[in-house]
C-alpha atoms as a PDB file:
ATOM      1  CA  MET A   1       5.674 -11.476 -34.300  1.00  0.00           C
ATOM      2  CA  ALA A   2       5.947  -7.694 -34.561  1.00  0.00           C
ATOM      3  CA  LYS A   3       7.880  -5.409 -32.255  1.00  0.00           C
ATOM      4  CA  ILE A   4       5.275  -2.987 -30.956  1.00  0.00           C
ATOM      5  CA  LEU A   5       6.210   0.290 -29.278  1.00  0.00           C
ATOM      6  CA  ILE A   6       3.759   0.911 -26.486  1.00  0.00           C
ATOM      7  CA  PHE A   7       2.985   4.335 -25.087  1.00  0.00           C
ATOM      8  CA  PRO A   8       3.108   4.935 -22.190  1.00  0.00           C
ATOM      9  CA  SER A   9       6.212   2.821 -22.616  1.00  0.00           C
ATOM     10  CA  ASN A  10       6.261   1.699 -18.995  1.00  0.00           C
ATOM     11  CA  SER A  11       2.687   0.380 -18.924  1.00  0.00           C
ATOM     12  CA  LEU A  12       2.649  -3.144 -17.546  1.00  0.00           C
ATOM     13  CA  ILE A  13      -0.987  -3.596 -18.595  1.00  0.00           C
ATOM     14  CA  LEU A  14      -0.355  -2.605 -22.202  1.00  0.00           C
ATOM     15  CA  SER A  15       2.847  -4.645 -22.281  1.00  0.00           C
ATOM     16  CA  ASP A  16       0.974  -7.709 -21.041  1.00  0.00           C
ATOM     17  CA  LEU A  17      -1.819  -7.291 -23.601  1.00  0.00           C
ATOM     18  CA  VAL A  18       0.634  -7.016 -26.492  1.00  0.00           C
ATOM     19  CA  ALA A  19       2.550 -10.082 -25.295  1.00  0.00           C
ATOM     20  CA  ARG A  20      -0.669 -12.093 -24.813  1.00  0.00           C
ATOM     21  CA  PHE A  21      -1.644 -11.350 -28.402  1.00  0.00           C
ATOM     22  CA  GLY A  22       1.654 -12.768 -29.667  1.00  0.00           C
ATOM     23  CA  HIS A  23       3.890  -9.746 -30.192  1.00  0.00           C
ATOM     24  CA  GLU A  24       6.936  -8.242 -28.509  1.00  0.00           C
ATOM     25  CA  PRO A  25       6.186  -5.112 -26.496  1.00  0.00           C
ATOM     26  CA  LEU A  26       8.977  -2.533 -26.645  1.00  0.00           C
ATOM     27  CA  THR A  27       9.104  -1.136 -23.116  1.00  0.00           C
ATOM     28  CA  LEU A  28      11.150   1.381 -21.220  1.00  0.00           C
ATOM     29  CA  MET A  29      11.685  -1.172 -18.446  1.00  0.00           C
ATOM     30  CA  ARG A  30      13.683  -3.356 -20.843  1.00  0.00           C
ATOM     31  CA  VAL A  31      16.006  -0.492 -21.794  1.00  0.00           C
ATOM     32  CA  ILE A  32      16.539   0.525 -18.174  1.00  0.00           C
ATOM     33  CA  ARG A  33      17.260  -3.081 -17.188  1.00  0.00           C
ATOM     34  CA  GLN A  34      19.951  -3.259 -19.872  1.00  0.00           C
ATOM     35  CA  LYS A  35      21.435   0.014 -18.612  1.00  0.00           C
ATOM     36  CA  ILE A  36      21.753  -1.128 -15.018  1.00  0.00           C
ATOM     37  CA  THR A  37      22.863  -4.706 -15.660  1.00  0.00           C
ATOM     38  CA  GLU A  38      25.248  -4.037 -18.529  1.00  0.00           C
ATOM     39  CA  VAL A  39      28.866  -4.954 -17.886  1.00  0.00           C
ATOM     40  CA  GLY A  40      31.045  -1.865 -17.733  1.00  0.00           C
ATOM     41  CA  ILE A  41      28.622   0.373 -15.906  1.00  0.00           C
ATOM     42  CA  ASP A  42      29.825   0.432 -12.345  1.00  0.00           C
ATOM     43  CA  SER A  43      27.537   2.653 -10.347  1.00  0.00           C
ATOM     44  CA  PRO A  44      23.895   3.195 -11.193  1.00  0.00           C
ATOM     45  CA  PRO A  45      22.299   5.727 -11.293  1.00  0.00           C
ATOM     46  CA  ILE A  46      25.385   7.355 -12.814  1.00  0.00           C
ATOM     47  CA  ASN A  47      25.119   5.032 -15.777  1.00  0.00           C
ATOM     48  CA  VAL A  48      25.464   7.373 -18.731  1.00  0.00           C
ATOM     49  CA  THR A  49      27.618   6.181 -21.584  1.00  0.00           C
ATOM     50  CA  PRO A  50      29.274   8.494 -24.124  1.00  0.00           C
ATOM     51  CA  GLU A  51      26.688   7.365 -26.694  1.00  0.00           C
ATOM     52  CA  ASP A  52      23.666   8.425 -24.625  1.00  0.00           C
ATOM     53  CA  PRO A  53      23.927  12.201 -25.168  1.00  0.00           C
ATOM     54  CA  LYS A  54      24.337  11.590 -28.903  1.00  0.00           C
ATOM     55  CA  ARG A  55      21.126   9.546 -28.959  1.00  0.00           C
ATOM     56  CA  GLY A  56      19.258  12.304 -27.126  1.00  0.00           C
ATOM     57  CA  LEU A  57      20.627  15.005 -29.438  1.00  0.00           C
ATOM     58  CA  LYS A  58      19.337  13.022 -32.416  1.00  0.00           C
ATOM     59  CA  TYR A  59      15.816  14.174 -31.476  1.00  0.00           C
ATOM     60  CA  ALA A  60      16.247  17.379 -29.522  1.00  0.00           C
ATOM     61  CA  ALA A  61      18.516  20.400 -29.801  1.00  0.00           C
ATOM     62  CA  VAL A  62      21.225  21.273 -27.285  1.00  0.00           C
ATOM     63  CA  ASP A  63      19.072  23.997 -25.716  1.00  0.00           C
ATOM     64  CA  VAL A  64      16.239  21.554 -24.921  1.00  0.00           C
ATOM     65  CA  PRO A  65      16.183  20.582 -21.211  1.00  0.00           C
ATOM     66  CA  SER A  66      18.545  17.729 -20.394  1.00  0.00           C
ATOM     67  CA  GLY A  67      15.674  15.634 -18.997  1.00  0.00           C
ATOM     68  CA  VAL A  68      14.057  15.531 -22.426  1.00  0.00           C
ATOM     69  CA  ARG A  69      17.327  14.563 -24.094  1.00  0.00           C
ATOM     70  CA  GLY A  70      17.988  11.932 -21.425  1.00  0.00           C
ATOM     71  CA  ARG A  71      14.566  10.358 -21.827  1.00  0.00           C
ATOM     72  CA  MET A  72      14.927  10.417 -25.610  1.00  0.00           C
ATOM     73  CA  ALA A  73      18.298   8.656 -25.271  1.00  0.00           C
ATOM     74  CA  LEU A  74      16.492   5.831 -23.451  1.00  0.00           C
ATOM     75  CA  LEU A  75      13.568   5.765 -25.886  1.00  0.00           C
ATOM     76  CA  ASP A  76      15.740   5.857 -29.035  1.00  0.00           C
ATOM     77  CA  PRO A  77      16.320   2.079 -29.247  1.00  0.00           C
ATOM     78  CA  LEU A  78      12.581   1.475 -28.872  1.00  0.00           C
ATOM     79  CA  ILE A  79      11.671   3.986 -31.565  1.00  0.00           C
ATOM     80  CA  GLU A  80      14.270   2.540 -33.928  1.00  0.00           C
ATOM     81  CA  GLU A  81      13.134  -1.077 -33.391  1.00  0.00           C
ATOM     82  CA  ALA A  82       9.405  -0.378 -33.615  1.00  0.00           C
ATOM     83  CA  GLU A  83       7.515  -2.106 -36.389  1.00  0.00           C
ATOM     84  CA  ALA A  84       4.164  -0.873 -35.049  1.00  0.00           C
ATOM     85  CA  ALA A  85       2.911   1.301 -32.197  1.00  0.00           C
ATOM     86  CA  ILE A  86       0.045   1.564 -29.742  1.00  0.00           C
ATOM     87  CA  ILE A  87      -0.485   4.983 -28.177  1.00  0.00           C
ATOM     88  CA  VAL A  88      -2.902   5.481 -25.299  1.00  0.00           C
ATOM     89  CA  HIS A  89      -4.052   9.047 -24.674  1.00  0.00           C
ATOM     90  CA  GLU A  90      -5.199  10.485 -21.341  1.00  0.00           C
ATOM     91  CA  ALA A  91      -4.019   7.421 -19.423  1.00  0.00           C
ATOM     92  CA  ASP A  92      -4.424   7.254 -15.680  1.00  0.00           C
ATOM     93  CA  TYR A  93      -1.144   7.492 -13.749  1.00  0.00           C
ATOM     94  CA  SER A  94      -1.553   3.899 -12.570  1.00  0.00           C
ATOM     95  CA  PHE A  95      -1.632   2.753 -16.223  1.00  0.00           C
ATOM     96  CA  GLY A  96       1.907   3.998 -16.850  1.00  0.00           C
ATOM     97  CA  CYS A  97       3.046   7.518 -16.126  1.00  0.00           C
ATOM     98  CA  MET A  98       5.747   8.890 -18.421  1.00  0.00           C
ATOM     99  CA  GLY A  99       6.425  11.949 -16.247  1.00  0.00           C
ATOM    100  CA  CYS A 100       7.533  14.502 -18.857  1.00  0.00           C
ATOM    101  CA  ALA A 101       4.929  16.221 -21.033  1.00  0.00           C
ATOM    102  CA  ARG A 102       7.448  17.555 -23.575  1.00  0.00           C
ATOM    103  CA  THR A 103       9.063  14.156 -24.062  1.00  0.00           C
ATOM    104  CA  ASN A 104       5.613  12.587 -24.416  1.00  0.00           C
ATOM    105  CA  GLU A 105       4.645  15.008 -27.176  1.00  0.00           C
ATOM    106  CA  LEU A 106       7.968  14.490 -28.941  1.00  0.00           C
ATOM    107  CA  VAL A 107       7.668  10.681 -28.839  1.00  0.00           C
ATOM    108  CA  LYS A 108       4.106  10.777 -30.186  1.00  0.00           C
ATOM    109  CA  TYR A 109       5.174  13.167 -32.946  1.00  0.00           C
ATOM    110  CA  ILE A 110       8.114  10.950 -33.978  1.00  0.00           C
ATOM    111  CA  VAL A 111       5.986   7.794 -33.959  1.00  0.00           C
ATOM    112  CA  ARG A 112       3.247   9.461 -36.018  1.00  0.00           C
ATOM    113  CA  ASN A 113       5.827  10.469 -38.617  1.00  0.00           C
ATOM    114  CA  LYS A 114       7.402   7.026 -38.747  1.00  0.00           C
ATOM    115  CA  ASP A 115       5.963   4.849 -41.497  1.00  0.00           C
ATOM    116  CA  ILE A 116       4.608   2.073 -39.266  1.00  0.00           C
ATOM    117  CA  PRO A 117       1.103   0.847 -38.418  1.00  0.00           C
ATOM    118  CA  ARG A 118      -0.216   2.479 -35.273  1.00  0.00           C
ATOM    119  CA  LEU A 119      -3.263   2.352 -33.059  1.00  0.00           C
ATOM    120  CA  GLU A 120      -4.224   5.397 -31.009  1.00  0.00           C
ATOM    121  CA  LEU A 121      -6.747   4.943 -28.220  1.00  0.00           C
ATOM    122  CA  THR A 122      -8.201   6.962 -25.368  1.00  0.00           C
ATOM    123  CA  TYR A 123      -7.880   5.426 -21.918  1.00  0.00           C
ATOM    124  CA  PRO A 124     -11.173   3.739 -20.927  1.00  0.00           C
ATOM    125  CA  THR A 125     -13.275   5.200 -18.115  1.00  0.00           C
ATOM    126  CA  ASN A 126     -15.849   2.427 -17.648  1.00  0.00           C
ATOM    127  CA  ASP A 127     -16.284  -1.318 -18.166  1.00  0.00           C
ATOM    128  CA  ASP A 128     -17.788  -1.062 -21.650  1.00  0.00           C
ATOM    129  CA  GLU A 129     -14.978   1.215 -22.831  1.00  0.00           C
ATOM    130  CA  ALA A 130     -12.433  -1.166 -21.273  1.00  0.00           C
ATOM    131  CA  ARG A 131     -13.851  -4.118 -23.227  1.00  0.00           C
ATOM    132  CA  GLU A 132     -13.738  -2.072 -26.440  1.00  0.00           C
ATOM    133  CA  PHE A 133     -10.180  -0.950 -25.586  1.00  0.00           C
ATOM    134  CA  VAL A 134      -8.966  -4.557 -25.265  1.00  0.00           C
ATOM    135  CA  ARG A 135     -10.884  -5.602 -28.388  1.00  0.00           C
ATOM    136  CA  LYS A 136      -9.243  -2.853 -30.466  1.00  0.00           C
ATOM    137  CA  ILE A 137      -5.798  -3.879 -29.228  1.00  0.00           C
ATOM    138  CA  ARG A 138      -6.549  -7.527 -30.021  1.00  0.00           C
ATOM    139  CA  ASP A 139      -7.787  -6.641 -33.512  1.00  0.00           C
ATOM    140  CA  PHE A 140      -4.740  -4.464 -34.161  1.00  0.00           C
ATOM    141  CA  CYS A 141      -2.361  -7.231 -33.045  1.00  0.00           C
ATOM    142  CA  GLU A 142      -4.226  -9.801 -35.149  1.00  0.00           C
ATOM    143  CA  SER A 143      -3.989  -7.524 -38.206  1.00  0.00           C
ATOM    144  CA  LEU A 144      -0.207  -7.378 -37.704  1.00  0.00           C
ATOM    145  CA  THR A 145      -0.070 -11.172 -37.431  1.00  0.00           C
ATOM    146  CA  HIS A 146      -2.056 -11.585 -40.654  1.00  0.00           C
ATOM    147  CA  LYS A 147       0.127  -9.034 -42.435  1.00  0.00           C
ATOM    148  CA  ALA A 148       3.265 -10.960 -41.359  1.00  0.00           C
ATOM    149  CA  GLU A 149       1.780 -14.246 -42.586  1.00  0.00           C
ATOM    150  CA  VAL A 150       1.007 -12.742 -45.997  1.00  0.00           C
ATOM    151  CA  LEU A 151       4.552 -11.399 -46.316  1.00  0.00           C
ATOM    152  CA  ALA A 152       6.111 -14.748 -45.332  1.00  0.00           C
END
């Protein structure tokens, strides 16, 4: 089972597909859940730890808007854990909106430069494209499963 970074990282549909095909989807929802349920953080949404700014600064300079650094602080654990990635371009807002164009470009850039298998797809606009979209995700996940079996 591979840990697959999904993008948009809050897409329930993409998360479900990855899980159905036997892998662990790395999602933003998981990181946020940990942040708000973690012992020691008393009052969400003011749930910033001293480590969070350091994580954000790992990817973006001090003069980059704080929203970018904050989002990168949340995405850092996912990027670090990722053994593979699925990136969906031009996704509809209902598929999983990430909300910050600069952060989106930075995440895609970092993932592309990370030495992991990745699948990049364009969001489907009709039924035939949707079938092909799911088939490509299935094939990608199966290739990761076969690769893991060979290594074992």
